[in-house]
């Protein structure tokens, strides 16, 4: 699995850009991609620093948990239903 580059490297790259280096020049100097420099700069502008976000983990359970009352009511109504018998989210009008 990939690993985020260090905050120290990100800060040094952004400092080089702030001193006038182009994204491509800073990327070549520090051995990263120009796209990474652009992303880090945008991250620093929007969030105030270039800290990496969390990697991996669960990203969908919040959407599923939001539908818990509906799912539980369907299970109470027909506890022996199979997956094929369950209505699709489109049929129930659920917005994902």
C-alpha atoms as a PDB file:
ATOM      1  CA  UNK A   1       0.000   0.000   0.000  1.00  0.00           C
ATOM      2  CA  UNK A   2       1.247   3.488  -0.768  1.00  0.00           C
ATOM      3  CA  UNK A   3       2.421   5.828   1.926  1.00  0.00           C
ATOM      4  CA  UNK A   4       2.056   9.607   2.067  1.00  0.00           C
ATOM      5  CA  UNK A   5       5.213  11.632   1.604  1.00  0.00           C
ATOM      6  CA  UNK A   6       6.431  13.430   4.731  1.00  0.00           C
ATOM      7  CA  UNK A   7       5.187  16.819   5.794  1.00  0.00           C
ATOM      8  CA  UNK A   8       8.809  18.000   5.919  1.00  0.00           C
ATOM      9  CA  UNK A   9       9.263  17.245   2.208  1.00  0.00           C
ATOM     10  CA  UNK A  10       5.979  18.922   1.367  1.00  0.00           C
ATOM     11  CA  UNK A  11       6.975  22.055   3.289  1.00  0.00           C
ATOM     12  CA  UNK A  12      10.370  22.219   1.563  1.00  0.00           C
ATOM     13  CA  UNK A  13       8.779  21.810  -1.880  1.00  0.00           C
ATOM     14  CA  UNK A  14       6.211  24.523  -1.144  1.00  0.00           C
ATOM     15  CA  UNK A  15       8.942  26.820   0.169  1.00  0.00           C
ATOM     16  CA  UNK A  16      10.828  26.400  -3.117  1.00  0.00           C
ATOM     17  CA  UNK A  17       7.672  27.318  -5.036  1.00  0.00           C
ATOM     18  CA  UNK A  18       7.122  30.335  -2.763  1.00  0.00           C
ATOM     19  CA  UNK A  19      10.684  31.462  -3.540  1.00  0.00           C
ATOM     20  CA  UNK A  20       9.854  31.506  -7.230  1.00  0.00           C
ATOM     21  CA  UNK A  21      10.499  27.994  -8.536  1.00  0.00           C
ATOM     22  CA  UNK A  22       7.966  26.606 -10.977  1.00  0.00           C
ATOM     23  CA  UNK A  23       6.016  23.501 -10.027  1.00  0.00           C
ATOM     24  CA  UNK A  24       8.027  21.436 -12.517  1.00  0.00           C
ATOM     25  CA  UNK A  25      11.372  22.802 -11.312  1.00  0.00           C
ATOM     26  CA  UNK A  26      10.518  22.177  -7.658  1.00  0.00           C
ATOM     27  CA  UNK A  27       9.246  18.698  -8.517  1.00  0.00           C
ATOM     28  CA  UNK A  28      12.451  17.807 -10.356  1.00  0.00           C
ATOM     29  CA  UNK A  29      14.615  19.213  -7.556  1.00  0.00           C
ATOM     30  CA  UNK A  30      12.904  17.149  -4.854  1.00  0.00           C
ATOM     31  CA  UNK A  31      12.069  14.048  -6.900  1.00  0.00           C
ATOM     32  CA  UNK A  32       8.288  14.296  -6.813  1.00  0.00           C
ATOM     33  CA  UNK A  33       5.732  14.831  -9.562  1.00  0.00           C
ATOM     34  CA  UNK A  34       4.593  18.270 -10.684  1.00  0.00           C
ATOM     35  CA  UNK A  35       1.014  17.124 -10.049  1.00  0.00           C
ATOM     36  CA  UNK A  36       1.904  16.447  -6.406  1.00  0.00           C
ATOM     37  CA  UNK A  37       3.319  19.954  -6.073  1.00  0.00           C
ATOM     38  CA  UNK A  38       0.082  21.371  -7.498  1.00  0.00           C
ATOM     39  CA  UNK A  39      -2.052  19.278  -5.133  1.00  0.00           C
ATOM     40  CA  UNK A  40       0.043  20.215  -2.104  1.00  0.00           C
ATOM     41  CA  UNK A  41      -0.125  23.894  -3.008  1.00  0.00           C
ATOM     42  CA  UNK A  42      -3.912  23.730  -3.379  1.00  0.00           C
ATOM     43  CA  UNK A  43      -4.142  21.855  -0.071  1.00  0.00           C
ATOM     44  CA  UNK A  44      -2.009  24.487   1.647  1.00  0.00           C
ATOM     45  CA  UNK A  45      -4.213  27.264   0.240  1.00  0.00           C
ATOM     46  CA  UNK A  46      -7.498  25.663   1.277  1.00  0.00           C
ATOM     47  CA  UNK A  47      -6.574  24.072   4.618  1.00  0.00           C
ATOM     48  CA  UNK A  48      -3.647  26.194   5.719  1.00  0.00           C
ATOM     49  CA  UNK A  49      -1.010  23.458   5.521  1.00  0.00           C
ATOM     50  CA  UNK A  50      -0.077  20.513   3.327  1.00  0.00           C
ATOM     51  CA  UNK A  51      -0.638  17.701   5.811  1.00  0.00           C
ATOM     52  CA  UNK A  52      -1.635  14.437   4.171  1.00  0.00           C
ATOM     53  CA  UNK A  53      -5.128  13.144   4.748  1.00  0.00           C
ATOM     54  CA  UNK A  54      -5.855   9.738   6.243  1.00  0.00           C
ATOM     55  CA  UNK A  55      -5.156   6.731   4.040  1.00  0.00           C
ATOM     56  CA  UNK A  56      -7.374   3.679   3.772  1.00  0.00           C
ATOM     57  CA  UNK A  57     -10.074   2.972   6.267  1.00  0.00           C
ATOM     58  CA  UNK A  58     -13.810   2.787   5.996  1.00  0.00           C
ATOM     59  CA  UNK A  59     -15.373   5.362   3.704  1.00  0.00           C
ATOM     60  CA  UNK A  60     -18.859   3.941   3.145  1.00  0.00           C
ATOM     61  CA  UNK A  61     -20.357   2.980   6.480  1.00  0.00           C
ATOM     62  CA  UNK A  62     -21.632   6.518   7.094  1.00  0.00           C
ATOM     63  CA  UNK A  63     -23.847   6.297   4.019  1.00  0.00           C
ATOM     64  CA  UNK A  64     -25.071   2.858   5.034  1.00  0.00           C
ATOM     65  CA  UNK A  65     -25.710   3.914   8.637  1.00  0.00           C
ATOM     66  CA  UNK A  66     -27.777   6.856   7.370  1.00  0.00           C
ATOM     67  CA  UNK A  67     -30.172   4.290   5.865  1.00  0.00           C
ATOM     68  CA  UNK A  68     -30.296   2.103   9.007  1.00  0.00           C
ATOM     69  CA  UNK A  69     -33.947   2.856   9.901  1.00  0.00           C
ATOM     70  CA  UNK A  70     -35.074   1.939   6.391  1.00  0.00           C
ATOM     71  CA  UNK A  71     -32.996  -1.244   6.300  1.00  0.00           C
ATOM     72  CA  UNK A  72     -34.192  -2.345   9.738  1.00  0.00           C
ATOM     73  CA  UNK A  73     -37.842  -1.687   8.849  1.00  0.00           C
ATOM     74  CA  UNK A  74     -37.470  -3.822   5.714  1.00  0.00           C
ATOM     75  CA  UNK A  75     -35.936  -6.624   7.771  1.00  0.00           C
ATOM     76  CA  UNK A  76     -38.736  -6.433  10.333  1.00  0.00           C
ATOM     77  CA  UNK A  77     -41.378  -6.574   7.600  1.00  0.00           C
ATOM     78  CA  UNK A  78     -39.872  -9.625   5.889  1.00  0.00           C
ATOM     79  CA  UNK A  79     -37.167 -11.193   8.059  1.00  0.00           C
ATOM     80  CA  UNK A  80     -36.648 -14.155   5.714  1.00  0.00           C
ATOM     81  CA  UNK A  81     -36.196 -12.080   2.517  1.00  0.00           C
ATOM     82  CA  UNK A  82     -33.274 -12.842   0.251  1.00  0.00           C
ATOM     83  CA  UNK A  83     -31.064 -10.237  -1.400  1.00  0.00           C
ATOM     84  CA  UNK A  84     -32.820 -10.778  -4.729  1.00  0.00           C
ATOM     85  CA  UNK A  85     -36.209 -10.045  -3.106  1.00  0.00           C
ATOM     86  CA  UNK A  86     -35.052  -6.752  -1.583  1.00  0.00           C
ATOM     87  CA  UNK A  87     -35.959  -3.641  -3.546  1.00  0.00           C
ATOM     88  CA  UNK A  88     -33.124  -1.643  -5.072  1.00  0.00           C
ATOM     89  CA  UNK A  89     -32.236   1.766  -3.715  1.00  0.00           C
ATOM     90  CA  UNK A  90     -33.654   3.316  -6.910  1.00  0.00           C
ATOM     91  CA  UNK A  91     -37.011   1.610  -6.285  1.00  0.00           C
ATOM     92  CA  UNK A  92     -37.052   2.934  -2.714  1.00  0.00           C
ATOM     93  CA  UNK A  93     -36.069   6.471  -3.739  1.00  0.00           C
ATOM     94  CA  UNK A  94     -32.850   6.489  -1.739  1.00  0.00           C
ATOM     95  CA  UNK A  95     -30.373   9.184  -2.768  1.00  0.00           C
ATOM     96  CA  UNK A  96     -26.749   8.044  -2.600  1.00  0.00           C
END
